Protein backbone atom coordinates (compact mmCIF):
# COMPACT_ATOMS: atom_id res chain seq x y z
CA MET A 1 84.19 123.46 -1.75
CA ILE A 2 80.88 123.20 -4.26
CA ILE A 3 79.22 126.44 -5.12
CA ASP A 4 75.31 126.12 -5.76
CA CYS A 5 72.79 128.29 -4.95
CA ASN A 6 70.07 125.90 -4.92
CA ALA A 7 71.73 124.33 -2.17
CA CYS A 8 71.39 127.79 -0.29
CA GLU A 9 69.14 128.12 2.53
CA LEU A 10 70.25 131.73 2.10
CA GLN A 11 68.87 131.71 -1.38
CA ALA A 12 66.28 134.48 -2.40
CA THR A 13 66.75 136.22 0.60
CA THR A 14 68.56 140.20 0.59
CA ALA A 15 72.35 138.03 1.55
CA CYS A 16 72.20 137.63 -2.10
CA ASP A 17 72.50 140.96 -3.21
CA GLU A 18 75.53 141.06 -1.04
CA CYS A 19 77.29 137.38 -1.85
CA ILE A 20 80.00 137.22 -4.64
CA VAL A 21 78.40 134.19 -6.11
CA PRO A 22 76.57 136.43 -9.17
CA VAL A 23 79.59 137.80 -9.40
CA LEU A 24 81.40 134.54 -9.59
CA LEU A 25 78.46 132.51 -12.37
CA ASN A 26 78.68 135.49 -14.63
CA GLN A 27 76.72 132.82 -17.52
CA MET A 28 77.65 129.69 -15.64
CA SER A 29 74.36 128.21 -14.61
CA GLY A 30 74.62 125.18 -11.80
CA PRO A 31 77.54 124.41 -9.13
CA PHE A 32 80.28 124.40 -9.19
CA ASP A 33 84.05 123.52 -7.57
CA LEU A 34 85.91 126.52 -5.20
CA SER A 35 89.31 124.95 -4.77
CA ASP A 36 90.23 125.79 -0.70
CA ASP A 37 93.18 128.60 -2.24
CA GLU A 38 90.55 130.02 -3.55
CA ALA A 39 87.96 130.02 -0.90
CA ASN A 40 90.71 131.30 1.33
CA ALA A 41 91.50 134.07 -1.75
CA LEU A 42 87.74 134.82 -1.79
CA ASP A 43 88.37 135.62 1.71
CA ASN A 44 91.57 137.12 2.30
CA LEU A 45 89.59 139.76 -0.71
CA ALA A 46 86.28 139.91 1.00
CA ASP A 47 88.71 141.25 5.00
CA ALA A 48 90.11 143.94 2.90
CA GLY A 49 86.70 144.87 1.99
CA LEU A 50 87.40 144.63 -2.42
CA VAL A 51 84.53 142.01 -2.65
CA THR A 52 82.12 140.72 -1.05
CA PRO A 53 81.45 137.59 1.26
CA LEU A 54 81.01 133.87 0.33
CA ARG A 55 77.19 134.03 2.00
CA LEU A 56 76.66 130.51 0.78
CA VAL A 57 75.05 128.47 3.46
CA PRO A 58 74.21 124.76 3.00
CA PRO A 59 72.05 122.80 3.98
CA ARG A 60 71.47 121.68 7.07
CA ARG A 61 71.70 118.24 7.49
CA ASP A 62 69.39 116.03 9.71
CA SER A 63 71.62 114.12 12.53
CA ALA A 64 69.06 111.73 12.13
CA THR A 65 69.20 110.67 8.21
CA GLY A 66 72.67 111.61 7.50
């Protein structure tokens, strides 16, 4: 899973306040690759209420363009 806040449809909304990505990025800039195991671990932590869930919403692809 590629995490890129600039490609998230919820960027600059209140959803960003409750997203784990800013914590993960901390001092990093630009997109990063999150493995399936890491994404599953974050989901489990979020389900347990230990971290905020990933709020990334990738842009919708137009069916006519791909």
